[in-house]
Amino acid sequence: MSDTPDSVLLLAYGGPTGPDEIRPFLDGVLRGRPVPPVRYEQVVRNYMAVGGASPINRLTMLQAEGLRAALAAGGPALPVYVGMRHWDPFIAATLETMARNGRRRAVGVILAPHSSEVSRDSYVHAVDEARGRLGPEAPVVDYVPSWSDHALFVEAVAARVSETLDRIPEPRRRDATLVFTAHSIPVPMARASGYAEQVAKTAGLVCRRIGLGAWSIAYQSRSGNPADPWLEPDILEALRTLAGRGVRDVVVVPVGFVSDHVEVLYDLDIAARETALGLGLGFHRAGTVGDHPVFLQLLAHLVRQSARIAP
């Protein structure tokens, strides 16, 4: 088999695209794991509060289109496929399509900046399982290296932060505190992967680029047994702490997410915003990198690097 890639596979979480898909989606994510009915119904309500759907599928397709155009413009002109862990197009179905199209080797890009068992390893495992079921016709997938501290990712996040800061009137802008958020995970998992250290490094690089020194890190969207240790502080507790210190404005930067979805639109834009306003804090949320041109430039660079083609 040739070592030259003939395609790109973008891997993302996936989400329901309408109210009737919310429960089937959650059932697929949980796969029989016992979750208290109260918690299950709360997540359903969260989805309904943001419009009864997640935009992540649509936004990931926009990223794929942007990457496809960037590769066509600067080479190599590769087709870009999208595989989702938890919704259509599922990873297995995408690999079947790639095989039917004669694709034999793909550059895999997992759309999560910080590596851990849930944010990277689970995707690799899902691809391996699907390839095993597909058999010898399954395309080989070679993954791009970690990019959480790549200069282009830092630039894209910094651009989103700067856009948000520009909307805060002076002189409050100068005193605003940045709060970088990422998905909370169990502490043992974080220790094994260096996840928290990766998040902190990204945050520090972004602040250095935009020349701000007041920043902190918080975590969000934790699940699981409340008795188990997960990364802290939670974003809501972090906001209370900052308000107690006399901070007037916070800019929340969801640096652990590359697209808006329920954990950004509900956990930050609704729950965190309500908490901040109740504390008298000015709340400003930076956009995710999404299809920012610099982020698309990063994706194209990573593909070329993996394909051993100079940018």
Protein backbone atom coordinates (compact mmCIF):
# COMPACT_ATOMS: atom_id res chain seq x y z
CA MET A 1 0.00 0.00 0.00
CA SER A 2 1.27 3.49 -0.85
CA ASP A 3 2.54 5.70 1.95
CA THR A 4 1.08 8.75 0.19
CA PRO A 5 -2.27 9.87 1.65
CA ASP A 6 -5.17 10.08 -0.76
CA SER A 7 -7.73 11.63 1.63
CA VAL A 8 -8.35 13.39 4.93
CA LEU A 9 -10.59 12.18 7.74
CA LEU A 10 -11.86 14.81 10.20
CA LEU A 11 -13.10 13.27 13.45
CA ALA A 12 -15.57 15.01 15.74
CA TYR A 13 -18.04 14.17 18.49
CA GLY A 14 -21.31 14.73 16.68
CA GLY A 15 -24.66 15.83 18.04
CA PRO A 16 -28.41 15.80 17.46
CA THR A 17 -29.65 17.96 14.60
CA GLY A 18 -33.24 18.27 15.84
CA PRO A 19 -35.38 17.71 18.94
CA ASP A 20 -36.45 14.21 17.86
CA GLU A 21 -32.80 13.13 17.77
CA ILE A 22 -31.85 14.24 21.29
CA ARG A 23 -32.87 11.09 23.16
CA PRO A 24 -31.52 8.63 20.55
CA PHE A 25 -28.27 10.60 20.58
CA LEU A 26 -27.99 10.48 24.38
CA ASP A 27 -28.85 6.78 24.42
CA GLY A 28 -26.03 6.16 21.95
CA VAL A 29 -23.55 8.19 23.98
CA LEU A 30 -24.46 6.39 27.20
CA ARG A 31 -24.71 2.91 25.63
CA GLY A 32 -26.55 1.42 28.60
CA ARG A 33 -24.47 3.12 31.29
CA PRO A 34 -26.71 3.92 34.26
CA VAL A 35 -27.42 7.63 34.53
CA PRO A 36 -29.91 9.06 37.02
CA PRO A 37 -33.13 9.98 35.20
CA VAL A 38 -32.94 13.48 36.67
CA ARG A 39 -29.54 14.03 35.08
CA TYR A 40 -30.69 12.56 31.74
CA GLU A 41 -33.71 14.85 31.60
CA GLN A 42 -31.59 17.85 32.54
CA VAL A 43 -29.37 17.25 29.52
CA VAL A 44 -32.47 16.98 27.32
CA ARG A 45 -33.63 20.35 28.69
CA ASN A 46 -30.19 21.82 28.02
CA TYR A 47 -30.47 20.87 24.36
CA MET A 48 -33.97 22.27 24.16
CA ALA A 49 -32.78 25.53 25.74
CA VAL A 50 -30.29 26.05 22.88
CA GLY A 51 -32.82 25.34 20.13
CA GLY A 52 -33.32 21.58 20.32
CA ALA A 53 -30.16 20.73 18.39
CA SER A 54 -26.39 20.99 18.35
CA PRO A 55 -24.63 23.00 15.62
CA ILE A 56 -21.49 20.85 15.81
CA ASN A 57 -22.31 18.71 12.76
CA ARG A 58 -22.99 21.75 10.58
CA LEU A 59 -19.91 23.56 11.88
CA THR A 60 -17.68 20.55 11.36
CA MET A 61 -18.87 20.33 7.76
CA LEU A 62 -17.93 23.99 7.32
CA GLN A 63 -14.47 23.20 8.67
CA ALA A 64 -14.22 20.32 6.20
CA GLU A 65 -15.24 22.60 3.33
CA GLY A 66 -12.71 25.21 4.40
CA LEU A 67 -9.95 22.64 4.68
CA ARG A 68 -10.84 21.19 1.29
CA ALA A 69 -10.58 24.64 -0.28
CA ALA A 70 -7.28 25.38 1.47
CA LEU A 71 -5.79 22.11 0.22
CA ALA A 72 -7.09 22.71 -3.30
CA ALA A 73 -5.48 26.16 -3.31
CA GLY A 74 -2.08 25.14 -1.98
CA GLY A 75 -1.99 21.38 -2.49
CA PRO A 76 -2.39 18.53 -2.10
CA ALA A 77 -5.96 18.60 -3.41
CA LEU A 78 -7.36 15.82 -1.22
CA PRO A 79 -10.99 14.93 -0.53
CA VAL A 80 -12.01 15.61 3.08
CA TYR A 81 -14.36 13.21 4.83
CA VAL A 82 -16.07 13.69 8.21
CA GLY A 83 -16.66 10.93 10.74
CA MET A 84 -18.58 11.44 14.00
CA ARG A 85 -18.28 9.32 17.11
CA HIS A 86 -21.88 9.71 18.20
CA TRP A 87 -24.05 10.78 15.26
CA ASP A 88 -24.44 10.67 11.52
CA PRO A 89 -22.14 10.48 9.63
CA PHE A 90 -20.76 7.85 11.99
CA ILE A 91 -17.09 6.94 11.76
CA ALA A 92 -17.84 3.42 10.54
CA ALA A 93 -20.15 4.65 7.76
CA THR A 94 -17.60 7.24 6.65
CA LEU A 95 -14.85 4.63 6.43
CA GLU A 96 -17.15 2.43 4.35
CA THR A 97 -17.74 5.35 1.98
CA MET A 98 -14.02 6.01 1.75
CA ALA A 99 -13.37 2.34 0.94
CA ARG A 100 -16.05 2.38 -1.78
CA ASN A 101 -14.42 5.47 -3.21
CA GLY A 102 -11.11 3.66 -3.41
CA ARG A 103 -9.41 5.58 -0.63
CA ARG A 104 -6.54 3.60 0.83
CA ARG A 105 -4.71 5.96 3.19
CA ALA A 106 -6.07 8.96 5.08
CA VAL A 107 -4.64 11.72 7.24
CA GLY A 108 -6.68 11.66 10.44
CA VAL A 109 -7.38 14.92 12.28
CA ILE A 110 -9.13 14.67 15.64
CA LEU A 111 -10.86 17.98 16.28
CA ALA A 112 -9.89 18.26 19.93
CA PRO A 113 -6.85 20.36 20.79
CA HIS A 114 -5.87 18.73 24.10
CA SER A 115 -5.12 15.02 24.30
CA SER A 116 -6.62 12.61 26.80
CA GLU A 117 -8.27 9.21 26.84
CA VAL A 118 -11.66 10.71 25.96
CA SER A 119 -10.53 13.47 23.62
CA ARG A 120 -8.11 11.43 21.50
CA ASP A 121 -7.73 7.76 22.41
CA SER A 122 -11.46 7.06 22.16
CA TYR A 123 -11.49 8.31 18.55
CA VAL A 124 -8.50 6.19 17.61
CA HIS A 125 -10.22 3.19 19.21
CA ALA A 126 -13.46 3.89 17.31
CA VAL A 127 -11.56 4.08 14.02
CA ASP A 128 -9.67 0.86 14.79
CA GLU A 129 -12.92 -0.96 15.61
CA ALA A 130 -14.56 0.24 12.39
CA ARG A 131 -11.51 -0.70 10.31
CA GLY A 132 -11.49 -4.15 11.88
CA ARG A 133 -15.12 -4.73 10.89
CA LEU A 134 -14.52 -3.39 7.40
CA GLY A 135 -11.59 -5.69 6.75
CA PRO A 136 -8.70 -5.35 4.27
CA GLU A 137 -10.46 -2.71 2.19
CA ALA A 138 -10.46 -0.28 5.11
CA PRO A 139 -8.24 2.75 4.57
CA VAL A 140 -5.24 3.16 6.86
CA VAL A 141 -5.47 6.28 9.03
CA ASP A 142 -2.33 8.19 10.05
CA TYR A 143 -3.00 10.85 12.69
CA VAL A 144 -1.52 14.32 12.77
CA PRO A 145 0.56 15.15 15.86
CA SER A 146 -0.73 17.18 18.79
CA TRP A 147 -1.38 20.82 17.92
CA SER A 148 -2.54 22.40 21.20
CA ASP A 149 0.57 24.60 21.35
CA HIS A 150 0.98 25.17 17.62
CA ALA A 151 1.56 28.81 16.73
CA LEU A 152 -1.36 28.85 14.28
CA PHE A 153 -3.81 27.48 16.86
CA VAL A 154 -2.58 30.05 19.36
CA GLU A 155 -3.02 32.77 16.72
CA ALA A 156 -6.57 31.67 15.92
CA VAL A 157 -7.62 31.60 19.59
CA ALA A 158 -5.93 34.96 20.19
CA ALA A 159 -7.86 36.43 17.25
CA ARG A 160 -11.17 35.30 18.77
CA VAL A 161 -10.16 36.74 22.15
CA SER A 162 -9.14 40.06 20.58
CA GLU A 163 -12.48 40.28 18.75
CA THR A 164 -14.24 39.93 22.10
CA LEU A 165 -12.00 42.35 23.97
CA ASP A 166 -12.65 44.96 21.29
CA ARG A 167 -16.34 44.90 22.23
CA ILE A 168 -15.62 45.87 25.85
CA PRO A 169 -15.49 49.64 26.38
CA GLU A 170 -12.32 51.22 27.65
CA PRO A 171 -11.13 51.43 30.42
CA ARG A 172 -12.89 48.22 31.51
CA ARG A 173 -11.18 46.36 28.67
CA ARG A 174 -7.76 46.84 30.25
CA ASP A 175 -8.97 45.32 33.52
CA ALA A 176 -10.86 42.35 32.07
CA THR A 177 -9.78 38.90 33.24
CA LEU A 178 -9.57 36.00 30.80
CA VAL A 179 -10.93 32.64 31.98
CA PHE A 180 -9.89 29.76 29.73
CA THR A 181 -12.18 26.75 29.90
CA ALA A 182 -11.87 23.14 28.82
CA HIS A 183 -13.97 20.06 29.44
CA SER A 184 -13.40 18.65 32.90
CA ILE A 185 -12.19 15.04 33.03
CA PRO A 186 -11.38 12.68 35.93
CA VAL A 187 -8.18 13.63 37.74
CA PRO A 188 -6.44 10.23 37.19
CA MET A 189 -7.13 10.48 33.45
CA ALA A 190 -5.78 14.01 33.37
CA ARG A 191 -2.60 12.95 35.18
CA ALA A 192 -2.01 10.10 32.76
CA SER A 193 -2.27 12.33 29.69
CA GLY A 194 -0.93 15.67 30.88
CA TYR A 195 -4.25 17.20 29.84
CA ALA A 196 -4.30 20.03 32.39
CA GLU A 197 -0.72 20.97 31.54
CA GLN A 198 -1.63 21.16 27.84
CA VAL A 199 -4.58 23.45 28.58
CA ALA A 200 -2.41 25.70 30.75
CA LYS A 201 0.27 25.90 28.08
CA THR A 202 -2.22 26.94 25.41
CA ALA A 203 -3.69 29.58 27.70
CA GLY A 204 -0.29 31.00 28.55
CA LEU A 205 0.74 31.20 24.90
CA VAL A 206 -2.49 32.99 23.94
CA CYS A 207 -2.09 35.55 26.72
CA ARG A 208 1.51 36.14 25.76
CA ARG A 209 0.48 36.76 22.16
CA ILE A 210 -2.16 39.35 23.03
CA GLY A 211 -0.14 40.90 25.85
CA LEU A 212 -2.51 40.25 28.76
CA GLY A 213 -1.37 39.03 32.14
CA ALA A 214 -4.64 38.55 34.07
CA TRP A 215 -5.95 35.07 33.29
CA SER A 216 -7.02 31.84 34.93
CA ILE A 217 -8.21 28.37 34.00
CA ALA A 218 -11.51 26.74 34.85
CA TYR A 219 -13.23 23.55 33.78
CA GLN A 220 -16.77 22.89 32.70
CA SER A 221 -19.38 20.31 31.74
CA ARG A 222 -18.25 17.61 34.16
CA SER A 223 -20.33 14.46 34.45
CA GLY A 224 -19.91 11.13 36.19
CA ASN A 225 -20.09 10.28 39.86
CA PRO A 226 -20.08 13.49 41.96
CA ALA A 227 -17.90 11.70 44.53
CA ASP A 228 -15.07 11.12 42.03
CA PRO A 229 -12.35 13.78 41.70
CA TRP A 230 -12.52 15.73 38.46
CA LEU A 231 -10.49 18.72 37.31
CA GLU A 232 -11.44 21.94 39.07
CA PRO A 233 -12.37 24.72 39.57
CA ASP A 234 -15.71 24.53 37.85
CA ILE A 235 -16.42 27.62 35.76
CA LEU A 236 -19.28 28.71 38.03
CA GLU A 237 -17.09 28.52 41.13
CA ALA A 238 -14.32 30.37 39.28
CA LEU A 239 -16.73 33.19 38.49
CA ARG A 240 -17.73 33.46 42.14
CA THR A 241 -14.08 33.65 43.15
CA LEU A 242 -13.32 36.39 40.64
CA ALA A 243 -16.35 38.41 41.69
CA GLY A 244 -15.18 38.14 45.29
CA ARG A 245 -11.86 39.64 44.23
CA GLY A 246 -13.57 42.66 42.71
CA VAL A 247 -13.16 41.73 39.05
CA ARG A 248 -15.63 43.68 36.89
CA ASP A 249 -15.43 41.87 33.54
CA VAL A 250 -14.54 38.33 32.50
CA VAL A 251 -13.85 37.04 29.02
CA VAL A 252 -14.53 33.31 28.96
CA VAL A 253 -12.42 31.53 26.33
CA PRO A 254 -13.55 27.97 25.49
CA VAL A 255 -10.05 26.97 24.44
CA GLY A 256 -10.80 23.26 24.77
CA PHE A 257 -13.49 23.37 22.06
CA VAL A 258 -13.08 24.12 18.36
CA SER A 259 -16.81 24.40 17.56
CA ASP A 260 -19.88 25.63 19.39
CA HIS A 261 -22.17 22.93 20.74
CA VAL A 262 -24.34 22.40 23.80
CA GLU A 263 -21.41 22.52 26.23
CA VAL A 264 -20.58 25.99 24.94
CA LEU A 265 -24.06 27.28 24.12
CA TYR A 266 -25.68 26.08 27.35
CA ASP A 267 -22.93 25.62 29.94
CA LEU A 268 -21.29 28.94 29.08
CA ASP A 269 -23.76 31.15 27.22
CA ILE A 270 -26.67 30.35 29.54
CA ALA A 271 -25.53 28.85 32.87
CA ALA A 272 -22.23 30.71 33.25
CA ARG A 273 -23.69 33.96 31.91
CA GLU A 274 -26.58 33.84 34.40
CA THR A 275 -24.17 33.18 37.25
CA ALA A 276 -21.90 36.04 36.19
CA LEU A 277 -24.73 38.53 35.83
CA GLY A 278 -26.09 37.52 39.22
CA LEU A 279 -22.68 38.32 40.68
CA GLY A 280 -22.51 41.68 38.95
CA LEU A 281 -19.81 40.52 36.54
CA GLY A 282 -19.68 41.67 32.96
CA PHE A 283 -19.73 38.42 30.97
CA HIS A 284 -18.13 38.14 27.53
CA ARG A 285 -17.60 34.86 25.72
CA ALA A 286 -14.93 34.51 23.04
CA GLY A 287 -15.87 32.54 19.95
CA THR A 288 -14.49 29.10 19.25
CA VAL A 289 -11.95 28.93 16.43
CA GLY A 290 -14.52 27.30 14.13
CA ASP A 291 -13.73 28.08 10.51
CA HIS A 292 -11.46 31.04 11.26
CA PRO A 293 -9.03 31.31 8.32
CA VAL A 294 -6.00 30.83 10.57
CA PHE A 295 -7.46 27.65 12.04
CA LEU A 296 -8.14 26.31 8.56
CA GLN A 297 -4.57 27.24 7.70
CA LEU A 298 -3.44 25.15 10.67
CA LEU A 299 -5.47 22.14 9.54
CA ALA A 300 -4.03 22.37 6.05
CA HIS A 301 -0.51 22.68 7.47
CA LEU A 302 -1.02 19.57 9.62
CA VAL A 303 -2.27 17.59 6.63
CA ARG A 304 0.67 18.68 4.48
CA GLN A 305 3.08 17.88 7.31
CA SER A 306 1.62 14.40 7.64
CA ALA A 307 1.70 13.95 3.86
CA ARG A 308 5.33 15.14 3.89
CA ILE A 309 4.53 18.02 1.57
CA ALA A 310 6.14 21.38 2.35
CA PRO A 311 3.68 24.19 3.10
